[in-house]
Protein backbone atom coordinates (compact mmCIF):
# COMPACT_ATOMS: atom_id res chain seq x y z
CA UNK A 1 0.00 0.00 0.00
CA UNK A 2 1.35 3.45 -0.86
CA UNK A 3 1.96 6.04 1.84
CA UNK A 4 -0.92 8.14 0.49
CA UNK A 5 -3.27 5.17 0.44
CA UNK A 6 -2.19 4.14 3.93
CA UNK A 7 -2.92 7.61 5.27
CA UNK A 8 -6.31 7.71 3.51
CA UNK A 9 -7.16 4.35 5.10
CA UNK A 10 -6.11 5.63 8.52
CA UNK A 11 -8.21 8.77 8.19
CA UNK A 12 -11.17 6.61 7.14
CA UNK A 13 -10.78 4.53 10.29
CA UNK A 14 -10.41 7.44 12.69
CA UNK A 15 -9.18 11.00 12.85
CA UNK A 16 -8.43 13.74 15.31
CA UNK A 17 -9.42 16.97 13.59
CA UNK A 18 -7.45 19.94 14.90
CA UNK A 19 -9.07 23.33 14.31
CA UNK A 20 -6.21 25.82 14.19
CA UNK A 21 -8.60 28.76 13.83
CA UNK A 22 -10.06 27.81 17.21
CA UNK A 23 -6.57 27.61 18.68
CA UNK A 24 -5.64 31.05 17.38
CA UNK A 25 -8.89 32.49 18.76
CA UNK A 26 -8.18 30.86 22.13
CA UNK A 27 -4.72 32.42 22.26
CA UNK A 28 -6.19 35.84 21.52
CA UNK A 29 -8.83 35.35 24.23
CA UNK A 30 -6.14 34.38 26.74
CA UNK A 31 -4.05 37.40 25.81
CA UNK A 32 -7.08 39.57 26.56
CA UNK A 33 -7.24 37.99 30.02
CA UNK A 34 -3.68 39.11 30.72
CA UNK A 35 -3.18 42.27 28.65
CA UNK A 36 -0.11 43.40 30.58
CA UNK A 37 1.81 40.15 30.27
CA UNK A 38 3.50 38.25 27.47
CA UNK A 39 2.07 34.82 26.66
CA UNK A 40 3.92 31.52 26.61
CA UNK A 41 2.06 28.88 24.61
CA UNK A 42 2.73 25.57 26.33
CA UNK A 43 3.13 22.89 23.66
CA UNK A 44 4.66 20.09 25.73
CA UNK A 45 3.53 16.48 25.18
CA UNK A 46 3.03 17.14 21.47
CA UNK A 47 0.82 20.12 22.29
CA UNK A 48 -1.33 18.05 24.65
CA UNK A 49 -1.85 15.55 21.85
CA UNK A 50 -2.75 18.16 19.23
CA UNK A 51 0.60 18.32 17.38
CA UNK A 52 3.40 20.56 18.62
CA UNK A 53 4.68 22.13 15.41
CA UNK A 54 1.33 23.15 13.82
CA UNK A 55 0.00 24.38 17.17
CA UNK A 56 3.17 26.32 17.95
CA UNK A 57 3.00 28.06 14.59
CA UNK A 58 -0.67 28.93 15.07
CA UNK A 59 -0.07 30.23 18.60
CA UNK A 60 2.77 32.48 17.43
CA UNK A 61 0.56 33.78 14.62
CA UNK A 62 -1.98 34.74 17.30
CA UNK A 63 0.54 36.64 19.39
CA UNK A 64 2.38 34.17 21.61
CA UNK A 65 6.01 35.29 22.00
CA UNK A 66 7.18 32.31 24.06
CA UNK A 67 6.80 28.56 23.67
CA UNK A 68 7.02 26.17 26.60
CA UNK A 69 7.98 22.50 26.66
CA UNK A 70 8.79 19.93 29.30
CA UNK A 71 11.76 18.15 27.71
CA UNK A 72 14.77 19.57 25.91
CA UNK A 73 14.08 17.26 22.96
CA UNK A 74 10.68 18.91 22.51
CA UNK A 75 12.29 22.34 22.65
CA UNK A 76 15.07 21.47 20.20
CA UNK A 77 12.50 20.15 17.70
CA UNK A 78 10.68 23.48 17.86
CA UNK A 79 13.88 25.44 17.39
CA UNK A 80 14.67 23.36 14.30
CA UNK A 81 11.38 24.31 12.64
CA UNK A 82 12.20 26.82 9.88
CA UNK A 83 8.73 28.38 9.98
CA UNK A 84 8.96 29.56 13.58
CA UNK A 85 10.51 33.04 13.89
CA UNK A 86 14.01 33.13 15.32
CA UNK A 87 13.02 35.66 17.96
CA UNK A 88 10.41 33.39 19.58
CA UNK A 89 11.76 32.35 22.97
CA UNK A 90 11.57 28.62 23.76
CA UNK A 91 11.78 27.32 27.32
CA UNK A 92 12.15 23.76 28.64
CA UNK A 93 11.98 22.73 32.29
CA UNK A 94 12.31 18.98 32.79
CA UNK A 95 16.01 18.07 32.88
CA UNK A 96 17.92 15.05 34.11
CA UNK A 97 21.68 14.66 34.65
CA UNK A 98 23.59 14.28 31.40
CA UNK A 99 20.93 16.06 29.36
CA UNK A 100 21.71 17.84 26.08
CA UNK A 101 22.89 21.01 27.79
CA UNK A 102 25.31 22.14 25.10
CA UNK A 103 22.72 21.66 22.35
CA UNK A 104 20.31 23.77 24.38
CA UNK A 105 22.89 26.52 24.85
CA UNK A 106 23.77 26.56 21.16
CA UNK A 107 20.05 26.65 20.22
CA UNK A 108 19.45 29.65 22.48
CA UNK A 109 16.86 27.84 24.60
CA UNK A 110 15.79 29.14 27.98
CA UNK A 111 16.76 26.39 30.40
CA UNK A 112 15.10 25.95 33.78
CA UNK A 113 17.38 25.20 36.72
CA UNK A 114 16.12 24.00 40.10
CA UNK A 115 19.30 22.87 41.86
CA UNK A 116 23.04 23.11 41.96
CA UNK A 117 23.72 19.90 39.99
CA UNK A 118 21.84 21.36 37.01
CA UNK A 119 23.53 24.73 37.27
CA UNK A 120 26.95 23.08 37.34
CA UNK A 121 26.22 20.93 34.26
CA UNK A 122 24.82 23.92 32.39
CA UNK A 123 27.78 26.14 33.23
CA UNK A 124 30.17 23.45 31.98
CA UNK A 125 28.21 23.21 28.73
CA UNK A 126 28.24 26.98 28.27
CA UNK A 127 31.99 27.01 28.80
CA UNK A 128 32.46 24.26 26.20
CA UNK A 129 30.19 26.05 23.72
CA UNK A 130 31.81 29.42 24.38
CA UNK A 131 28.31 30.87 24.54
CA UNK A 132 26.34 32.24 27.47
CA UNK A 133 23.37 30.10 28.52
CA UNK A 134 19.90 31.51 29.06
CA UNK A 135 18.79 30.37 32.51
CA UNK A 136 15.51 30.56 34.41
CA UNK A 137 15.65 29.78 38.11
CA UNK A 138 12.66 27.84 39.37
CA UNK A 139 11.42 28.30 42.92
CA UNK A 140 9.51 25.61 44.77
CA UNK A 141 6.83 27.77 46.37
CA UNK A 142 4.75 24.84 47.55
CA UNK A 143 4.05 22.40 44.72
CA UNK A 144 6.74 20.04 45.94
CA UNK A 145 7.89 18.83 42.53
CA UNK A 146 10.69 20.52 40.61
CA UNK A 147 12.04 23.82 41.89
CA UNK A 148 14.52 25.02 44.48
CA UNK A 149 13.54 25.13 48.14
CA UNK A 150 13.43 28.53 49.84
CA UNK A 151 16.07 29.44 52.38
CA UNK A 152 19.68 28.36 52.08
CA UNK A 153 19.14 26.30 48.92
CA UNK A 154 17.64 29.29 47.08
CA UNK A 155 20.33 31.61 48.40
CA UNK A 156 23.07 29.28 47.13
CA UNK A 157 21.45 28.84 43.72
CA UNK A 158 20.99 32.59 43.26
CA UNK A 159 24.55 33.30 44.46
CA UNK A 160 26.18 30.78 42.12
CA UNK A 161 24.03 31.79 39.16
CA UNK A 162 25.09 35.40 39.64
CA UNK A 163 28.72 34.33 39.93
CA UNK A 164 28.46 32.51 36.57
CA UNK A 165 26.67 35.52 35.09
CA UNK A 166 29.54 37.80 36.09
CA UNK A 167 31.90 35.37 34.34
CA UNK A 168 29.86 35.69 31.16
CA UNK A 169 28.74 32.05 31.22
CA UNK A 170 25.03 32.65 31.55
CA UNK A 171 22.24 35.18 31.71
CA UNK A 172 19.48 34.78 34.31
CA UNK A 173 16.48 35.49 32.10
CA UNK A 174 13.65 34.44 34.40
CA UNK A 175 12.37 33.60 37.85
CA UNK A 176 9.39 31.29 37.99
CA UNK A 177 7.26 28.79 39.85
CA UNK A 178 4.10 26.70 39.42
CA UNK A 179 0.80 26.53 41.30
CA UNK A 180 -0.46 23.35 42.95
CA UNK A 181 -4.16 24.20 43.33
CA UNK A 182 -4.99 27.18 41.11
CA UNK A 183 -7.83 25.10 39.64
CA UNK A 184 -9.52 24.98 43.07
CA UNK A 185 -11.02 28.44 43.72
CA UNK A 186 -10.16 29.79 47.15
CA UNK A 187 -7.69 27.05 48.05
CA UNK A 188 -5.41 28.44 50.79
CA UNK A 189 -2.27 27.24 49.02
CA UNK A 190 -2.83 29.79 46.23
CA UNK A 191 -2.26 32.82 48.46
CA UNK A 192 0.55 31.04 50.30
CA UNK A 193 2.40 30.22 47.10
CA UNK A 194 1.93 33.69 45.70
CA UNK A 195 3.39 35.21 48.87
CA UNK A 196 6.33 32.82 48.78
CA UNK A 197 6.94 33.58 45.10
CA UNK A 198 7.03 37.31 45.79
CA UNK A 199 9.46 36.74 48.65
CA UNK A 200 11.80 34.52 46.63
CA UNK A 201 11.83 36.76 43.57
CA UNK A 202 12.39 39.83 45.76
CA UNK A 203 15.37 38.14 47.39
CA UNK A 204 16.89 37.22 44.01
CA UNK A 205 16.43 40.75 42.72
CA UNK A 206 17.94 42.23 45.90
CA UNK A 207 21.01 40.10 45.22
CA UNK A 208 21.30 41.48 41.70
CA UNK A 209 19.19 39.24 39.44
CA UNK A 210 17.56 41.26 36.66
CA UNK A 211 15.13 38.84 35.02
CA UNK A 212 13.43 39.48 31.73
CA UNK A 213 10.32 37.70 33.03
CA UNK A 214 8.78 36.53 36.30
CA UNK A 215 5.97 34.01 35.94
CA UNK A 216 3.78 31.63 37.90
CA UNK A 217 0.38 31.72 36.16
CA UNK A 218 -0.75 28.49 34.50
CA UNK A 219 -4.11 28.10 32.70
CA UNK A 220 -6.44 28.46 35.73
CA UNK A 221 -4.43 31.36 37.12
CA UNK A 222 -4.39 33.07 33.74
CA UNK A 223 -8.18 32.79 33.58
CA UNK A 224 -9.14 33.67 37.15
CA UNK A 225 -6.24 35.22 39.11
CA UNK A 226 -5.06 38.47 37.50
CA UNK A 227 -2.82 39.24 40.48
CA UNK A 228 -0.63 36.29 39.42
CA UNK A 229 0.09 37.42 35.87
CA UNK A 230 3.38 39.27 36.51
CA UNK A 231 5.41 39.54 33.24
CA UNK A 232 4.32 36.31 31.52
CA UNK A 233 1.46 33.81 31.64
CA UNK A 234 1.79 30.14 30.66
CA UNK A 235 -1.55 28.74 29.46
CA UNK A 236 -1.50 25.09 28.51
CA UNK A 237 -4.78 23.20 28.44
CA UNK A 238 -6.85 26.39 28.08
CA UNK A 239 -5.13 27.15 24.79
CA UNK A 240 -6.69 23.98 23.40
CA UNK A 241 -10.16 25.06 24.45
CA UNK A 242 -10.46 22.77 27.47
CA UNK A 243 -11.32 24.16 30.89
CA UNK A 244 -8.66 23.48 33.55
CA UNK A 245 -11.44 22.51 35.93
CA UNK A 246 -15.23 22.40 35.84
CA UNK A 247 -15.14 24.24 39.18
CA UNK A 248 -13.83 27.42 37.59
CA UNK A 249 -16.09 27.33 34.52
CA UNK A 250 -16.71 25.85 31.11
CA UNK A 251 -14.66 26.74 28.03
CA UNK A 252 -17.54 28.92 26.80
CA UNK A 253 -17.46 30.88 30.08
CA UNK A 254 -14.00 32.09 29.09
CA UNK A 255 -14.59 32.51 25.37
CA UNK A 256 -12.66 29.35 24.52
CA UNK A 257 -13.45 26.66 21.96
CA UNK A 258 -12.24 23.03 22.01
CA UNK A 259 -9.67 22.48 19.28
CA UNK A 260 -9.79 18.67 18.86
CA UNK A 261 -12.64 16.58 17.48
CA UNK A 262 -12.09 12.82 17.70
CA UNK A 263 -14.18 10.67 15.38
CA UNK A 264 -14.18 7.26 13.74
CA UNK A 265 -16.10 5.39 11.05
CA UNK A 266 -18.41 2.60 12.17
CA UNK A 267 -16.68 -0.58 11.06
CA UNK A 268 -19.74 -2.80 11.38
CA UNK A 269 -23.44 -2.56 12.14
CA UNK A 270 -25.26 -5.80 12.89
CA UNK A 271 -28.50 -7.07 14.41
CA UNK A 272 -28.24 -9.34 17.45
CA UNK A 273 -30.85 -11.02 19.69
CA UNK A 274 -31.59 -10.21 23.30
CA UNK A 275 -29.24 -11.77 25.82
CA UNK A 276 -26.22 -11.43 23.51
CA UNK A 277 -22.95 -10.81 25.39
CA UNK A 278 -20.81 -7.92 24.19
CA UNK A 279 -17.02 -7.65 24.39
CA UNK A 280 -14.64 -9.24 26.88
CA UNK A 281 -16.16 -10.53 30.09
CA UNK A 282 -19.72 -9.98 28.88
CA UNK A 283 -20.12 -7.02 31.23
CA UNK A 284 -22.87 -5.88 28.89
CA UNK A 285 -25.66 -8.12 27.64
CA UNK A 286 -28.24 -6.85 25.17
CA UNK A 287 -31.61 -6.32 26.88
CA UNK A 288 -33.52 -7.34 23.75
CA UNK A 289 -33.25 -7.51 19.98
CA UNK A 290 -31.06 -4.62 18.93
CA UNK A 291 -28.26 -3.47 16.65
CA UNK A 292 -24.63 -3.05 17.60
CA UNK A 293 -22.13 -0.63 16.08
CA UNK A 294 -18.39 -1.33 16.10
CA UNK A 295 -16.16 1.70 16.66
CA UNK A 296 -12.56 0.98 15.53
CA UNK A 297 -10.78 2.76 18.38
CA UNK A 298 -9.49 1.27 21.62
CA UNK A 299 -7.10 1.76 24.47
CA UNK A 300 -4.13 1.38 22.09
CA UNK A 301 -5.39 4.62 20.56
CA UNK A 302 -5.74 6.28 23.95
CA UNK A 303 -9.41 5.57 24.64
CA UNK A 304 -9.47 4.98 28.41
CA UNK A 305 -10.44 1.45 29.39
CA UNK A 306 -11.79 2.91 32.64
CA UNK A 307 -14.60 4.39 30.54
CA UNK A 308 -15.94 0.92 29.64
CA UNK A 309 -19.76 0.86 29.84
CA UNK A 310 -19.68 4.62 30.41
CA UNK A 311 -17.94 6.53 27.60
CA UNK A 312 -20.31 8.63 25.45
CA UNK A 313 -20.41 8.59 21.64
CA UNK A 314 -22.56 10.42 19.09
CA UNK A 315 -23.48 7.73 16.54
CA UNK A 316 -26.37 7.70 14.11
CA UNK A 317 -27.20 11.23 15.26
CA UNK A 318 -27.85 10.16 18.85
CA UNK A 319 -25.89 10.02 22.09
CA UNK A 320 -24.86 6.43 22.82
CA UNK A 321 -22.82 4.80 25.57
CA UNK A 322 -20.00 2.29 25.25
CA UNK A 323 -21.50 -1.20 25.62
CA UNK A 324 -19.19 -3.36 27.70
CA UNK A 325 -15.45 -3.27 27.82
CA UNK A 326 -13.25 -1.08 25.66
CA UNK A 327 -10.71 -3.37 23.98
CA UNK A 328 -7.28 -2.62 22.58
CA UNK A 329 -8.47 -1.62 19.11
CA UNK A 330 -12.26 -1.33 19.26
CA UNK A 331 -15.40 -0.98 21.30
CA UNK A 332 -19.12 -1.42 20.75
CA UNK A 333 -22.16 0.83 21.11
CA UNK A 334 -25.75 -0.35 21.33
CA UNK A 335 -27.68 1.42 18.56
CA UNK A 336 -31.08 0.44 19.94
CA UNK A 337 -32.27 -1.20 16.75
CA UNK A 338 -31.29 1.65 14.43
CA UNK A 339 -29.09 0.82 11.46
CA UNK A 340 -26.75 3.61 10.40
CA UNK A 341 -24.61 2.60 7.45
CA UNK A 342 -21.16 1.12 8.00
CA UNK A 343 -18.73 3.98 7.53
CA UNK A 344 -21.07 6.42 9.29
CA UNK A 345 -19.34 8.84 11.60
CA UNK A 346 -19.11 8.19 15.32
CA UNK A 347 -17.93 11.24 17.25
CA UNK A 348 -16.30 10.55 20.59
CA UNK A 349 -15.74 14.17 21.54
CA UNK A 350 -15.57 17.65 20.10
CA UNK A 351 -16.77 21.20 20.84
CA UNK A 352 -20.34 19.98 21.48
CA UNK A 353 -21.94 22.03 18.69
CA UNK A 354 -23.70 19.03 17.15
CA UNK A 355 -24.70 17.48 20.44
CA UNK A 356 -21.54 15.39 20.55
CA UNK A 357 -19.80 14.67 23.87
CA UNK A 358 -16.85 16.77 24.97
CA UNK A 359 -13.49 15.75 26.39
CA UNK A 360 -14.89 16.70 29.80
CA UNK A 361 -17.72 14.19 29.33
CA UNK A 362 -15.14 11.46 28.70
CA UNK A 363 -13.13 12.61 31.71
CA UNK A 364 -16.15 12.17 33.94
CA UNK A 365 -16.85 8.75 32.44
CA UNK A 366 -13.26 7.61 33.06
CA UNK A 367 -12.81 9.26 36.46
CA UNK A 368 -9.97 11.45 35.25
CA UNK A 369 -9.37 14.97 33.89
CA UNK A 370 -9.85 16.30 30.38
CA UNK A 371 -6.10 16.98 30.11
CA UNK A 372 -5.53 13.23 30.04
CA UNK A 373 -8.29 12.54 27.52
CA UNK A 374 -6.83 14.74 24.77
CA UNK A 375 -3.17 14.11 25.57
CA UNK A 376 -3.38 10.32 25.48
CA UNK A 377 -4.80 10.04 21.92
CA UNK A 378 -2.14 7.90 20.29
CA UNK A 379 -0.12 8.08 17.09
CA UNK A 380 -2.33 5.56 15.24
CA UNK A 381 -4.91 8.34 15.06
CA UNK A 382 -3.85 10.83 12.37
CA UNK A 383 -4.13 14.52 13.16
CA UNK A 384 -5.96 16.34 10.40
CA UNK A 385 -5.43 20.11 10.50
CA UNK A 386 -8.15 22.47 9.35
CA UNK A 387 -8.13 26.26 9.03
CA UNK A 388 -4.35 26.34 8.72
């Protein structure tokens, strides 16, 4: 089979349609929420499953001046894209010992540093490259993951970073942190972290750090906590039109539109009698004569098995529910006796305009969050970009 034919076959089976016009509109809406701050479009994890390069380009077109990734490999791939402007800043924050420090320095990436081991490896790489590194110091203000602890650890990191800056080996371009509970309105940790962030940045600046940007606002903080915007906001999931949390509002409440629509073609429609077991374990048995539709997507494609007997699908123009267990490559819906044609569209989630479920509906069905639903859609599902 030719590559073109193979792709056509894959799109016929299933597709994740990515609406780049919606993404650009979301970026503009988020910029309006934080008019005094620059915007970093977070495109880690292949842009939350949407495709890093196309989404990065669209975000920059809509006014993002920074791009954010977790791993250095993600950041280096962005820097290698010839269609992204050279002046777009790219930051990466998840490093391990022995990482590609020199490549990051030579690519002009902004590198996050949370401890002395990382600073030492980065300084050595900058010396080898004969180029100053761009460094952002991360403060652990209460999330308890990456980031430098306040007190002596922070004082040492700031002191040694400034020493390397005086030697021309690096430039401290940013001071930053990350919220733990910004998606829970009124959570006491929000105010506590914000206070700690102000204290730690003030200390660094008193010692002589002159950052280009200070930032702590993720998607929920960008949407609901203007006092956290500082010089830069870092929306991730909100950029893709998904609410960070139902507690703070729906996408429509913030003028956002879901970017991904996941659909498949019914692979089979057949009539079965009552009492017919469906899928592994026969956790679903037909209550009477009915028709079953086979959806050619499964947990190998990122459809959560935890949503067995619960995941919603729009098939034959009506809302259906997964019948029985979701298997590796397929699952079944009970069509209630109706007989849509094989090849008819089954929509797992999208913006909801046509009555289809949303990623949030699948999150509730699987007992997880919508972030996971969109991010886990696997590489067997081709991304089809519209409104490029």
